[in-house]
Amino acid sequence: AGVGSGGRTRRKSGRGSTTTKTALLRSAEEVLRVKPDASLEEIRAAYRRRARETHPDKGGRDGEFESVARAYRSLLDAASSAGAVVSSTSSSRRSLATASPSEHNVNVMTLKGTAHWDKELQEHRNLVRELFQAHGTDMGAVVSRQESALARLGLRAGEAGSRGRNEKDEIIVNSCFYLSLAVSYLTGIGVLQSRAYGPRGEGRGGDDDYGNVDDDDDDPEEADLRRADEALTLDSALQLKRIIEAAVVSSHPEWAAEGFVGEEVQAFSDFLVYVLDSPTLASEWAVAVFDAASGFVDVYKGKNYPEDDDDWSRVNTLTIRYEPGHYRPIL
């Protein structure tokens, strides 16, 4: 979903080579201090350990925690690259990141089928509709209660905008769903430091393109922090878009041809069901989507969500708000 308009604006192009991708994976393993044959469980454990060691609140050096987060995401991304879901060994991670689909030789895990998720989604939609009809509930009152609950929790809707950028640095419109997920996650793990996104931030406060930070900011240090925050958010949002939409198209290849999924096609939170049991970062999240129109809250919980660990369950619980035509991060 998204507000705003405009087509793509090409600024520059270029993608990493096979050699570069392999080197990045080796670097990621070094940052997390895992062996080349580390399993997904070992990678997750290493990430949690290194995140605690390098977090700014624990005395970590500038940029160190961000490097740990990027390294973790790189290893998970490699495991699900090219739309495949694999058992994670170092060799399979690297082959997926660098080989063509015909060269893949990995063990594929079984996911719940398309029919299962379609049935789940349809049953949910029917349930919401029938609840209001059967009980004669005042939808406006439900919406008001949701707003009051958010206020009591000290949560408010920020703004992540709706325009991201792709690998060629071209503007992509209708990206607010992925931008909101990225801002919610990055704020939760504490890597966004500018006034716009820090602990008391309200988000960008507008719908300007990312990367267009006001160079006339009275505080040069704050301007630098905001540029860094926006670059990290853009990169994270694009990775989420690629991972989630690859999973959607894998289950529904006809949706791409029919225009339901695409570079500038609006996305919806229902897409999350297709990655809940994958080896990607999204499988470790619980995403609460507050619907401003109905007052309902939809919760999408991945199979690897760390519900037995209070600290990590808090970090991995994302909150976003859906308004007709637009998503916003709840901060």
C-alpha atoms as a PDB file:
ATOM      1  CA  ALA A   1       0.000   0.000   0.000  1.00  0.00           C
ATOM      2  CA  GLY A   2       1.129   3.547  -0.223  1.00  0.00           C
ATOM      3  CA  VAL A   3       0.422   7.209  -0.698  1.00  0.00           C
ATOM      4  CA  GLY A   4       2.213   9.576  -3.005  1.00  0.00           C
ATOM      5  CA  SER A   5       2.964   9.230  -6.659  1.00  0.00           C
ATOM      6  CA  GLY A   6       5.747   9.301  -9.158  1.00  0.00           C
ATOM      7  CA  GLY A   7       7.679   6.885 -11.316  1.00  0.00           C
ATOM      8  CA  ARG A   8      11.136   5.532 -10.995  1.00  0.00           C
ATOM      9  CA  THR A   9      14.057   7.888 -11.147  1.00  0.00           C
ATOM     10  CA  ARG A  10      17.265   6.216 -12.166  1.00  0.00           C
ATOM     11  CA  ARG A  11      20.377   7.534 -10.472  1.00  0.00           C
ATOM     12  CA  LYS A  12      22.976   4.822 -10.805  1.00  0.00           C
ATOM     13  CA  SER A  13      23.245   1.115 -11.361  1.00  0.00           C
ATOM     14  CA  GLY A  14      25.417  -1.819 -10.522  1.00  0.00           C
ATOM     15  CA  ARG A  15      25.119  -5.033  -8.561  1.00  0.00           C
ATOM     16  CA  GLY A  16      27.624  -7.104  -6.638  1.00  0.00           C
ATOM     17  CA  SER A  17      29.577  -9.815  -8.402  1.00  0.00           C
ATOM     18  CA  THR A  18      29.613 -13.479  -7.407  1.00  0.00           C
ATOM     19  CA  THR A  19      33.060 -12.986  -5.859  1.00  0.00           C
ATOM     20  CA  THR A  20      31.827 -10.008  -3.843  1.00  0.00           C
ATOM     21  CA  LYS A  21      28.803 -11.932  -2.511  1.00  0.00           C
ATOM     22  CA  THR A  22      30.974 -14.839  -1.399  1.00  0.00           C
ATOM     23  CA  ALA A  23      33.372 -12.446   0.336  1.00  0.00           C
ATOM     24  CA  LEU A  24      30.473 -10.750   2.117  1.00  0.00           C
ATOM     25  CA  LEU A  25      29.253 -14.082   3.454  1.00  0.00           C
ATOM     26  CA  ARG A  26      32.724 -14.908   4.746  1.00  0.00           C
ATOM     27  CA  SER A  27      32.843 -11.489   6.406  1.00  0.00           C
ATOM     28  CA  ALA A  28      29.420 -12.075   7.974  1.00  0.00           C
ATOM     29  CA  GLU A  29      30.600 -15.378   9.450  1.00  0.00           C
ATOM     30  CA  GLU A  30      33.616 -13.578  10.931  1.00  0.00           C
ATOM     31  CA  VAL A  31      31.450 -10.814  12.442  1.00  0.00           C
ATOM     32  CA  LEU A  32      29.113 -13.342  14.095  1.00  0.00           C
ATOM     33  CA  ARG A  33      32.068 -15.615  14.920  1.00  0.00           C
ATOM     34  CA  VAL A  34      30.455 -18.720  13.482  1.00  0.00           C
ATOM     35  CA  LYS A  35      32.059 -21.604  11.634  1.00  0.00           C
ATOM     36  CA  PRO A  36      31.535 -22.042   7.883  1.00  0.00           C
ATOM     37  CA  ASP A  37      29.314 -25.070   8.539  1.00  0.00           C
ATOM     38  CA  ALA A  38      27.206 -23.408  11.261  1.00  0.00           C
ATOM     39  CA  SER A  39      23.530 -24.366  11.322  1.00  0.00           C
ATOM     40  CA  LEU A  40      20.685 -21.839  11.417  1.00  0.00           C
ATOM     41  CA  GLU A  41      20.239 -22.514  15.133  1.00  0.00           C
ATOM     42  CA  GLU A  42      23.929 -21.817  15.755  1.00  0.00           C
ATOM     43  CA  ILE A  43      23.743 -18.627  13.692  1.00  0.00           C
ATOM     44  CA  ARG A  44      20.740 -17.412  15.678  1.00  0.00           C
ATOM     45  CA  ALA A  45      22.470 -18.146  18.970  1.00  0.00           C
ATOM     46  CA  ALA A  46      25.618 -16.365  17.798  1.00  0.00           C
ATOM     47  CA  TYR A  47      23.603 -13.324  16.723  1.00  0.00           C
ATOM     48  CA  ARG A  48      21.926 -13.024  20.113  1.00  0.00           C
ATOM     49  CA  ARG A  49      25.262 -13.330  21.895  1.00  0.00           C
ATOM     50  CA  ARG A  50      27.025 -10.799  19.651  1.00  0.00           C
ATOM     51  CA  ALA A  51      24.067  -8.395  19.739  1.00  0.00           C
ATOM     52  CA  ARG A  52      24.205  -8.302  23.528  1.00  0.00           C
ATOM     53  CA  GLU A  53      27.970  -7.747  23.427  1.00  0.00           C
ATOM     54  CA  THR A  54      27.907  -4.938  20.856  1.00  0.00           C
ATOM     55  CA  HIS A  55      24.707  -3.037  21.631  1.00  0.00           C
ATOM     56  CA  PRO A  56      25.371   0.693  22.245  1.00  0.00           C
ATOM     57  CA  ASP A  57      23.652   0.450  25.637  1.00  0.00           C
ATOM     58  CA  LYS A  58      26.190  -2.222  26.611  1.00  0.00           C
ATOM     59  CA  GLY A  59      29.209  -0.168  25.579  1.00  0.00           C
ATOM     60  CA  GLY A  60      29.531  -1.345  22.004  1.00  0.00           C
ATOM     61  CA  ARG A  61      31.595   0.720  19.576  1.00  0.00           C
ATOM     62  CA  ASP A  62      29.937   2.969  16.982  1.00  0.00           C
ATOM     63  CA  GLY A  63      28.700   0.923  14.055  1.00  0.00           C
ATOM     64  CA  GLU A  64      29.551  -2.429  15.632  1.00  0.00           C
ATOM     65  CA  PHE A  65      25.983  -3.421  16.462  1.00  0.00           C
ATOM     66  CA  GLU A  66      24.811  -2.436  12.981  1.00  0.00           C
ATOM     67  CA  SER A  67      27.513  -4.687  11.503  1.00  0.00           C
ATOM     68  CA  VAL A  68      26.285  -7.604  13.606  1.00  0.00           C
ATOM     69  CA  ALA A  69      22.688  -7.043  12.466  1.00  0.00           C
ATOM     70  CA  ARG A  70      23.753  -6.843   8.806  1.00  0.00           C
ATOM     71  CA  ALA A  71      25.879  -9.982   9.124  1.00  0.00           C
ATOM     72  CA  TYR A  72      22.991 -11.931  10.604  1.00  0.00           C
ATOM     73  CA  ARG A  73      20.623 -10.806   7.872  1.00  0.00           C
ATOM     74  CA  SER A  74      23.186 -11.643   5.172  1.00  0.00           C
ATOM     75  CA  LEU A  75      23.479 -15.249   6.336  1.00  0.00           C
ATOM     76  CA  LEU A  76      19.700 -15.641   6.562  1.00  0.00           C
ATOM     77  CA  ASP A  77      19.179 -13.969   3.176  1.00  0.00           C
ATOM     78  CA  ALA A  78      21.674 -16.331   1.587  1.00  0.00           C
ATOM     79  CA  ALA A  79      19.729 -19.298   2.944  1.00  0.00           C
ATOM     80  CA  SER A  80      16.563 -18.117   1.210  1.00  0.00           C
ATOM     81  CA  SER A  81      18.152 -16.566  -1.889  1.00  0.00           C
ATOM     82  CA  ALA A  82      16.510 -17.224  -5.268  1.00  0.00           C
ATOM     83  CA  GLY A  83      13.245 -18.094  -3.487  1.00  0.00           C
ATOM     84  CA  ALA A  84      14.563 -21.422  -2.177  1.00  0.00           C
ATOM     85  CA  VAL A  85      14.178 -22.653   1.386  1.00  0.00           C
ATOM     86  CA  VAL A  86      17.127 -24.784   2.415  1.00  0.00           C
ATOM     87  CA  SER A  87      18.854 -26.515   5.283  1.00  0.00           C
ATOM     88  CA  SER A  88      21.646 -24.166   6.251  1.00  0.00           C
ATOM     89  CA  THR A  89      25.239 -25.221   5.831  1.00  0.00           C
ATOM     90  CA  SER A  90      27.929 -22.812   4.757  1.00  0.00           C
ATOM     91  CA  SER A  91      28.257 -24.453   1.355  1.00  0.00           C
ATOM     92  CA  SER A  92      24.515 -24.303   0.676  1.00  0.00           C
ATOM     93  CA  ARG A  93      24.315 -20.689   1.798  1.00  0.00           C
ATOM     94  CA  ARG A  94      27.117 -19.685  -0.546  1.00  0.00           C
ATOM     95  CA  SER A  95      25.812 -21.733  -3.456  1.00  0.00           C
ATOM     96  CA  LEU A  96      22.403 -20.101  -3.193  1.00  0.00           C
ATOM     97  CA  ALA A  97      23.932 -16.644  -3.092  1.00  0.00           C
ATOM     98  CA  THR A  98      26.158 -17.192  -6.095  1.00  0.00           C
ATOM     99  CA  ALA A  99      24.796 -19.997  -8.275  1.00  0.00           C
ATOM    100  CA  SER A 100      22.059 -20.010 -10.865  1.00  0.00           C
ATOM    101  CA  PRO A 101      18.800 -21.831  -9.963  1.00  0.00           C
ATOM    102  CA  SER A 102      19.794 -24.808 -12.138  1.00  0.00           C
ATOM    103  CA  GLU A 103      22.987 -25.253 -10.114  1.00  0.00           C
ATOM    104  CA  HIS A 104      21.268 -25.541  -6.725  1.00  0.00           C
ATOM    105  CA  ASN A 105      21.926 -28.835  -4.939  1.00  0.00           C
ATOM    106  CA  VAL A 106      20.389 -28.385  -1.489  1.00  0.00           C
ATOM    107  CA  ASN A 107      17.914 -30.074   0.819  1.00  0.00           C
ATOM    108  CA  VAL A 108      14.514 -28.429   0.493  1.00  0.00           C
ATOM    109  CA  MET A 109      12.307 -28.156   3.573  1.00  0.00           C
ATOM    110  CA  THR A 110       8.572 -28.754   3.322  1.00  0.00           C
ATOM    111  CA  LEU A 111       6.373 -25.691   3.862  1.00  0.00           C
ATOM    112  CA  LYS A 112       2.637 -25.463   4.329  1.00  0.00           C
ATOM    113  CA  GLY A 113       1.010 -25.403   0.917  1.00  0.00           C
ATOM    114  CA  THR A 114      -0.730 -22.580  -0.898  1.00  0.00           C
ATOM    115  CA  ALA A 115      -4.152 -24.108  -0.285  1.00  0.00           C
ATOM    116  CA  HIS A 116      -3.513 -24.046   3.467  1.00  0.00           C
ATOM    117  CA  TRP A 117      -2.676 -20.333   3.552  1.00  0.00           C
ATOM    118  CA  ASP A 118      -5.491 -19.380   1.176  1.00  0.00           C
ATOM    119  CA  LYS A 119      -7.957 -21.163   3.455  1.00  0.00           C
ATOM    120  CA  GLU A 120      -6.501 -19.456   6.533  1.00  0.00           C
ATOM    121  CA  LEU A 121      -6.783 -15.994   4.979  1.00  0.00           C
ATOM    122  CA  GLN A 122     -10.314 -16.514   3.700  1.00  0.00           C
ATOM    123  CA  GLU A 123     -11.494 -17.851   7.046  1.00  0.00           C
ATOM    124  CA  HIS A 124     -10.002 -14.823   8.796  1.00  0.00           C
ATOM    125  CA  ARG A 125     -11.706 -12.338   6.474  1.00  0.00           C
ATOM    126  CA  ASN A 126     -15.033 -14.116   6.885  1.00  0.00           C
ATOM    127  CA  LEU A 127     -14.608 -14.161  10.660  1.00  0.00           C
ATOM    128  CA  VAL A 128     -14.066 -10.396  10.881  1.00  0.00           C
ATOM    129  CA  ARG A 129     -17.079  -9.673   8.707  1.00  0.00           C
ATOM    130  CA  GLU A 130     -19.344 -12.108  10.553  1.00  0.00           C
ATOM    131  CA  LEU A 131     -18.318 -10.867  13.997  1.00  0.00           C
ATOM    132  CA  PHE A 132     -19.528  -7.339  13.369  1.00  0.00           C
ATOM    133  CA  GLN A 133     -22.714  -8.545  11.677  1.00  0.00           C
ATOM    134  CA  ALA A 134     -23.592 -11.151  14.297  1.00  0.00           C
ATOM    135  CA  HIS A 135     -22.983  -9.003  17.346  1.00  0.00           C
ATOM    136  CA  GLY A 136     -24.128  -5.666  15.990  1.00  0.00           C
ATOM    137  CA  THR A 137     -20.920  -4.167  17.335  1.00  0.00           C
ATOM    138  CA  ASP A 138     -20.303  -0.460  16.890  1.00  0.00           C
ATOM    139  CA  MET A 139     -17.159  -0.414  14.765  1.00  0.00           C
ATOM    140  CA  GLY A 140     -16.458   3.201  15.712  1.00  0.00           C
ATOM    141  CA  ALA A 141     -16.378   2.257  19.387  1.00  0.00           C
ATOM    142  CA  VAL A 142     -13.944  -0.567  18.647  1.00  0.00           C
ATOM    143  CA  VAL A 143     -11.658   1.841  16.784  1.00  0.00           C
ATOM    144  CA  SER A 144     -11.778   4.264  19.718  1.00  0.00           C
ATOM    145  CA  ARG A 145     -10.827   1.499  22.149  1.00  0.00           C
ATOM    146  CA  GLN A 146      -7.855   0.605  19.980  1.00  0.00           C
ATOM    147  CA  GLU A 147      -6.664   4.204  19.996  1.00  0.00           C
ATOM    148  CA  SER A 148      -7.054   4.383  23.784  1.00  0.00           C
ATOM    149  CA  ALA A 149      -5.103   1.144  24.225  1.00  0.00           C
ATOM    150  CA  LEU A 150      -2.230   2.441  22.111  1.00  0.00           C
ATOM    151  CA  ALA A 151      -2.157   5.655  24.114  1.00  0.00           C
ATOM    152  CA  ARG A 152      -2.021   3.747  27.412  1.00  0.00           C
ATOM    153  CA  LEU A 153       0.862   1.672  26.074  1.00  0.00           C
ATOM    154  CA  GLY A 154       2.730   4.833  25.088  1.00  0.00           C
ATOM    155  CA  LEU A 155       2.676   3.877  21.395  1.00  0.00           C
ATOM    156  CA  ARG A 156       1.999   6.194  18.474  1.00  0.00           C
ATOM    157  CA  ALA A 157       2.013   5.936  14.707  1.00  0.00           C
ATOM    158  CA  GLY A 158       5.153   7.316  13.100  1.00  0.00           C
ATOM    159  CA  GLU A 159       5.748   7.858   9.384  1.00  0.00           C
ATOM    160  CA  ALA A 160       8.064   5.867   7.147  1.00  0.00           C
ATOM    161  CA  GLY A 161       6.883   7.295   3.817  1.00  0.00           C
ATOM    162  CA  SER A 162       5.964   5.214   0.781  1.00  0.00           C
ATOM    163  CA  ARG A 163       8.920   5.501  -1.574  1.00  0.00           C
ATOM    164  CA  GLY A 164      11.940   3.242  -1.377  1.00  0.00           C
ATOM    165  CA  ARG A 165      14.757   2.420  -3.772  1.00  0.00           C
ATOM    166  CA  ASN A 166      15.753  -0.729  -5.636  1.00  0.00           C
ATOM    167  CA  GLU A 167      19.181  -2.230  -6.365  1.00  0.00           C
ATOM    168  CA  LYS A 168      19.715   0.297  -9.175  1.00  0.00           C
ATOM    169  CA  ASP A 169      18.896   3.174  -6.813  1.00  0.00           C
ATOM    170  CA  GLU A 170      15.632   3.831  -8.653  1.00  0.00           C
ATOM    171  CA  ILE A 171      12.638   5.093  -6.712  1.00  0.00           C
ATOM    172  CA  ILE A 172       9.962   2.488  -5.966  1.00  0.00           C
ATOM    173  CA  VAL A 173       6.556   3.843  -4.990  1.00  0.00           C
ATOM    174  CA  ASN A 174       3.945   2.003  -2.879  1.00  0.00           C
ATOM    175  CA  SER A 175       6.613   0.703  -0.499  1.00  0.00           C
ATOM    176  CA  CYS A 176       5.132   1.874   2.806  1.00  0.00           C
ATOM    177  CA  PHE A 177       4.425  -1.676   4.063  1.00  0.00           C
ATOM    178  CA  TYR A 178       8.072  -2.721   3.800  1.00  0.00           C
ATOM    179  CA  LEU A 179       9.383   0.640   5.019  1.00  0.00           C
ATOM    180  CA  SER A 180       7.103   0.439   8.077  1.00  0.00           C
ATOM    181  CA  LEU A 181       8.276  -3.087   8.885  1.00  0.00           C
ATOM    182  CA  ALA A 182      11.892  -1.973   8.545  1.00  0.00           C
ATOM    183  CA  VAL A 183      11.478   1.089  10.783  1.00  0.00           C
ATOM    184  CA  SER A 184       9.603  -0.893  13.437  1.00  0.00           C
ATOM    185  CA  TYR A 185      12.272  -3.601  13.518  1.00  0.00           C
ATOM    186  CA  LEU A 186      15.316  -1.325  13.396  1.00  0.00           C
ATOM    187  CA  THR A 187      13.848   0.945  16.079  1.00  0.00           C
ATOM    188  CA  GLY A 188      13.171  -2.077  18.269  1.00  0.00           C
ATOM    189  CA  ILE A 189      16.738  -3.345  18.127  1.00  0.00           C
ATOM    190  CA  GLY A 190      18.013   0.161  18.810  1.00  0.00           C
ATOM    191  CA  VAL A 191      20.103   0.880  15.729  1.00  0.00           C
ATOM    192  CA  LEU A 192      18.280   4.022  14.555  1.00  0.00           C
ATOM    193  CA  GLN A 193      19.800   7.000  16.329  1.00  0.00           C
ATOM    194  CA  SER A 194      18.550  10.235  14.741  1.00  0.00           C
ATOM    195  CA  ARG A 195      15.830  12.406  16.281  1.00  0.00           C
ATOM    196  CA  ALA A 196      13.470  11.255  13.537  1.00  0.00           C
ATOM    197  CA  TYR A 197      13.816   7.581  14.480  1.00  0.00           C
ATOM    198  CA  GLY A 198      15.364   7.449  17.932  1.00  0.00           C
ATOM    199  CA  PRO A 199      13.532   6.572  21.147  1.00  0.00           C
ATOM    200  CA  ARG A 200      11.372   9.716  20.986  1.00  0.00           C
ATOM    201  CA  GLY A 201      11.234  10.023  17.214  1.00  0.00           C
ATOM    202  CA  GLU A 202       8.071  10.453  15.182  1.00  0.00           C
ATOM    203  CA  GLY A 203       9.465   9.073  11.925  1.00  0.00           C
ATOM    204  CA  ARG A 204      10.190  11.106   8.836  1.00  0.00           C
ATOM    205  CA  GLY A 205       7.129  13.305   9.201  1.00  0.00           C
ATOM    206  CA  GLY A 206       6.444  13.388   5.489  1.00  0.00           C
ATOM    207  CA  ASP A 207       6.567  11.492   2.240  1.00  0.00           C
ATOM    208  CA  ASP A 208       9.842  12.715   0.781  1.00  0.00           C
ATOM    209  CA  ASP A 209      12.135  10.245  -0.956  1.00  0.00           C
ATOM    210  CA  TYR A 210      14.657   8.558   1.273  1.00  0.00           C
ATOM    211  CA  GLY A 211      18.103   9.983   0.872  1.00  0.00           C
ATOM    212  CA  ASN A 212      16.839  13.560   0.423  1.00  0.00           C
ATOM    213  CA  VAL A 213      17.918  14.745   3.860  1.00  0.00           C
ATOM    214  CA  ASP A 214      17.955  18.519   4.278  1.00  0.00           C
ATOM    215  CA  ASP A 215      21.574  19.557   3.938  1.00  0.00           C
ATOM    216  CA  ASP A 216      20.709  22.861   5.629  1.00  0.00           C
ATOM    217  CA  ASP A 217      19.978  21.104   8.946  1.00  0.00           C
ATOM    218  CA  ASP A 218      21.198  23.344  11.768  1.00  0.00           C
ATOM    219  CA  ASP A 219      22.837  20.334  13.404  1.00  0.00           C
ATOM    220  CA  PRO A 220      25.332  18.652  11.016  1.00  0.00           C
ATOM    221  CA  GLU A 221      25.732  15.671  13.351  1.00  0.00           C
ATOM    222  CA  GLU A 222      21.977  15.100  13.395  1.00  0.00           C
ATOM    223  CA  ALA A 223      21.857  15.327   9.588  1.00  0.00           C
ATOM    224  CA  ASP A 224      24.556  12.633   9.371  1.00  0.00           C
ATOM    225  CA  LEU A 225      22.637  10.396  11.779  1.00  0.00           C
ATOM    226  CA  ARG A 226      19.475  10.793   9.747  1.00  0.00           C
ATOM    227  CA  ARG A 227      21.255   9.946   6.499  1.00  0.00           C
ATOM    228  CA  ALA A 228      22.645   6.793   8.100  1.00  0.00           C
ATOM    229  CA  ASP A 229      19.218   5.838   9.486  1.00  0.00           C
ATOM    230  CA  GLU A 230      17.524   6.329   6.131  1.00  0.00           C
ATOM    231  CA  ALA A 231      20.170   4.351   4.259  1.00  0.00           C
ATOM    232  CA  LEU A 232      19.824   1.427   6.672  1.00  0.00           C
ATOM    233  CA  THR A 233      16.008   1.595   6.521  1.00  0.00           C
ATOM    234  CA  LEU A 234      15.978   1.675   2.728  1.00  0.00           C
ATOM    235  CA  ASP A 235      18.302  -1.296   2.486  1.00  0.00           C
ATOM    236  CA  SER A 236      16.312  -3.297   5.039  1.00  0.00           C
ATOM    237  CA  ALA A 237      12.967  -2.485   3.382  1.00  0.00           C
ATOM    238  CA  LEU A 238      14.248  -3.626  -0.012  1.00  0.00           C
ATOM    239  CA  GLN A 239      15.541  -6.901   1.420  1.00  0.00           C
ATOM    240  CA  LEU A 240      12.172  -7.535   3.079  1.00  0.00           C
ATOM    241  CA  LYS A 241      10.358  -6.792  -0.164  1.00  0.00           C
ATOM    242  CA  ARG A 242      12.514  -9.257  -2.084  1.00  0.00           C
ATOM    243  CA  ILE A 243      12.204 -12.047   0.509  1.00  0.00           C
ATOM    244  CA  ILE A 244       8.470 -11.707   1.140  1.00  0.00           C
ATOM    245  CA  GLU A 245       7.406 -11.229  -2.471  1.00  0.00           C
ATOM    246  CA  ALA A 246       9.585 -14.129  -3.624  1.00  0.00           C
ATOM    247  CA  ALA A 247       7.724 -16.346  -1.154  1.00  0.00           C
ATOM    248  CA  VAL A 248       4.351 -15.017  -2.339  1.00  0.00           C
ATOM    249  CA  VAL A 249       5.165 -15.578  -6.015  1.00  0.00           C
ATOM    250  CA  SER A 250       6.523 -19.045  -5.217  1.00  0.00           C
ATOM    251  CA  SER A 251       3.085 -19.976  -3.892  1.00  0.00           C
ATOM    252  CA  HIS A 252       1.125 -17.928  -6.435  1.00  0.00           C
ATOM    253  CA  PRO A 253       3.171 -17.501  -9.641  1.00  0.00           C
ATOM    254  CA  GLU A 254       0.045 -16.338 -11.441  1.00  0.00           C
ATOM    255  CA  TRP A 255      -0.192 -13.280  -9.184  1.00  0.00           C
ATOM    256  CA  ALA A 256       2.867 -11.696 -10.813  1.00  0.00           C
ATOM    257  CA  ALA A 257       1.328 -12.086 -14.275  1.00  0.00           C
ATOM    258  CA  GLU A 258      -2.005 -10.761 -13.026  1.00  0.00           C
ATOM    259  CA  GLY A 259      -0.410  -7.689 -11.444  1.00  0.00           C
ATOM    260  CA  PHE A 260      -1.070  -8.561  -7.798  1.00  0.00           C
ATOM    261  CA  VAL A 261       2.661  -8.569  -7.026  1.00  0.00           C
ATOM    262  CA  GLY A 262       5.252  -6.340  -8.642  1.00  0.00           C
ATOM    263  CA  GLU A 263       7.907  -3.694  -8.230  1.00  0.00           C
ATOM    264  CA  GLU A 264       5.426  -0.885  -7.596  1.00  0.00           C
ATOM    265  CA  VAL A 265       2.287  -2.831  -6.724  1.00  0.00           C
ATOM    266  CA  GLN A 266       0.863  -2.203  -3.273  1.00  0.00           C
ATOM    267  CA  ALA A 267       1.652  -4.913  -0.710  1.00  0.00           C
ATOM    268  CA  PHE A 268      -0.499  -6.054   2.199  1.00  0.00           C
ATOM    269  CA  SER A 269       0.197  -7.625   5.579  1.00  0.00           C
ATOM    270  CA  ASP A 270      -1.470 -10.852   4.385  1.00  0.00           C
ATOM    271  CA  PHE A 271       1.753 -11.464   2.446  1.00  0.00           C
ATOM    272  CA  LEU A 272       3.464 -12.274   5.760  1.00  0.00           C
ATOM    273  CA  VAL A 273       1.800 -15.682   6.014  1.00  0.00           C
ATOM    274  CA  TYR A 274       3.964 -16.955   3.177  1.00  0.00           C
ATOM    275  CA  VAL A 275       7.226 -16.462   5.123  1.00  0.00           C
ATOM    276  CA  LEU A 276       6.160 -17.478   8.632  1.00  0.00           C
ATOM    277  CA  ASP A 277       7.861 -20.878   8.460  1.00  0.00           C
ATOM    278  CA  SER A 278      10.827 -19.952   6.251  1.00  0.00           C
ATOM    279  CA  PRO A 279      14.461 -19.647   7.459  1.00  0.00           C
ATOM    280  CA  THR A 280      14.385 -15.868   6.962  1.00  0.00           C
ATOM    281  CA  LEU A 281      14.464 -13.113   9.562  1.00  0.00           C
ATOM    282  CA  ALA A 282      10.685 -12.714   9.219  1.00  0.00           C
ATOM    283  CA  SER A 283      10.137 -16.189  10.710  1.00  0.00           C
ATOM    284  CA  GLU A 284      11.534 -14.866  14.004  1.00  0.00           C
ATOM    285  CA  TRP A 285       9.029 -12.017  14.226  1.00  0.00           C
ATOM    286  CA  ALA A 286       5.578 -11.503  15.598  1.00  0.00           C
ATOM    287  CA  VAL A 287       4.023  -8.646  13.621  1.00  0.00           C
ATOM    288  CA  ALA A 288       0.996  -6.914  15.140  1.00  0.00           C
ATOM    289  CA  VAL A 289      -0.979  -4.957  12.539  1.00  0.00           C
ATOM    290  CA  PHE A 290      -3.369  -2.413  14.065  1.00  0.00           C
ATOM    291  CA  ASP A 291      -6.232  -1.800  11.630  1.00  0.00           C
ATOM    292  CA  ALA A 292      -7.351   1.813  12.046  1.00  0.00           C
ATOM    293  CA  ALA A 293     -10.516   1.176  10.005  1.00  0.00           C
ATOM    294  CA  SER A 294     -11.965  -1.752  11.994  1.00  0.00           C
ATOM    295  CA  GLY A 295     -10.164  -1.532  15.345  1.00  0.00           C
ATOM    296  CA  PHE A 296      -8.923  -5.089  14.957  1.00  0.00           C
ATOM    297  CA  VAL A 297      -5.350  -6.233  15.521  1.00  0.00           C
ATOM    298  CA  ASP A 298      -3.963  -9.014  13.296  1.00  0.00           C
ATOM    299  CA  VAL A 299      -0.937 -10.876  14.676  1.00  0.00           C
ATOM    300  CA  TYR A 300       1.377 -12.843  12.380  1.00  0.00           C
ATOM    301  CA  LYS A 301       3.772 -15.017  14.392  1.00  0.00           C
ATOM    302  CA  GLY A 302       6.690 -16.859  12.781  1.00  0.00           C
ATOM    303  CA  LYS A 303       7.638 -20.386  13.765  1.00  0.00           C
ATOM    304  CA  ASN A 304      11.006 -19.203  15.160  1.00  0.00           C
ATOM    305  CA  TYR A 305       9.562 -16.396  17.294  1.00  0.00           C
ATOM    306  CA  PRO A 306      11.464 -16.512  20.632  1.00  0.00           C
ATOM    307  CA  GLU A 307       8.435 -16.420  22.932  1.00  0.00           C
ATOM    308  CA  ASP A 308      10.340 -18.134  25.775  1.00  0.00           C
ATOM    309  CA  ASP A 309      12.868 -15.287  25.910  1.00  0.00           C
ATOM    310  CA  ASP A 310      11.312 -12.041  27.174  1.00  0.00           C
ATOM    311  CA  ASP A 311      14.116  -9.787  25.948  1.00  0.00           C
ATOM    312  CA  TRP A 312      14.198 -11.213  22.424  1.00  0.00           C
ATOM    313  CA  SER A 313      10.441 -11.543  22.099  1.00  0.00           C
ATOM    314  CA  ARG A 314      10.185  -7.804  22.818  1.00  0.00           C
ATOM    315  CA  VAL A 315      12.840  -6.993  20.223  1.00  0.00           C
ATOM    316  CA  ASN A 316      11.218  -9.268  17.647  1.00  0.00           C
ATOM    317  CA  THR A 317       7.673  -7.973  18.135  1.00  0.00           C
ATOM    318  CA  LEU A 318       6.938  -5.445  15.387  1.00  0.00           C
ATOM    319  CA  THR A 319       3.979  -3.065  15.455  1.00  0.00           C
ATOM    320  CA  ILE A 320       2.541  -1.290  12.409  1.00  0.00           C
ATOM    321  CA  ARG A 321      -0.707   0.520  11.681  1.00  0.00           C
ATOM    322  CA  TYR A 322      -2.898   0.061   8.637  1.00  0.00           C
ATOM    323  CA  GLU A 323      -4.909   3.022   7.434  1.00  0.00           C
ATOM    324  CA  PRO A 324      -6.896   2.793   4.191  1.00  0.00           C
ATOM    325  CA  GLY A 325      -4.205   2.912   1.489  1.00  0.00           C
ATOM    326  CA  HIS A 326      -1.207   3.290   3.795  1.00  0.00           C
ATOM    327  CA  TYR A 327       0.945   1.566   6.447  1.00  0.00           C
ATOM    328  CA  ARG A 328       2.822   3.361   9.228  1.00  0.00           C
ATOM    329  CA  PRO A 329       5.230   2.084  11.904  1.00  0.00           C
ATOM    330  CA  ILE A 330       3.972   2.201  15.478  1.00  0.00           C
ATOM    331  CA  LEU A 331       6.802   3.414  17.693  1.00  0.00           C
END
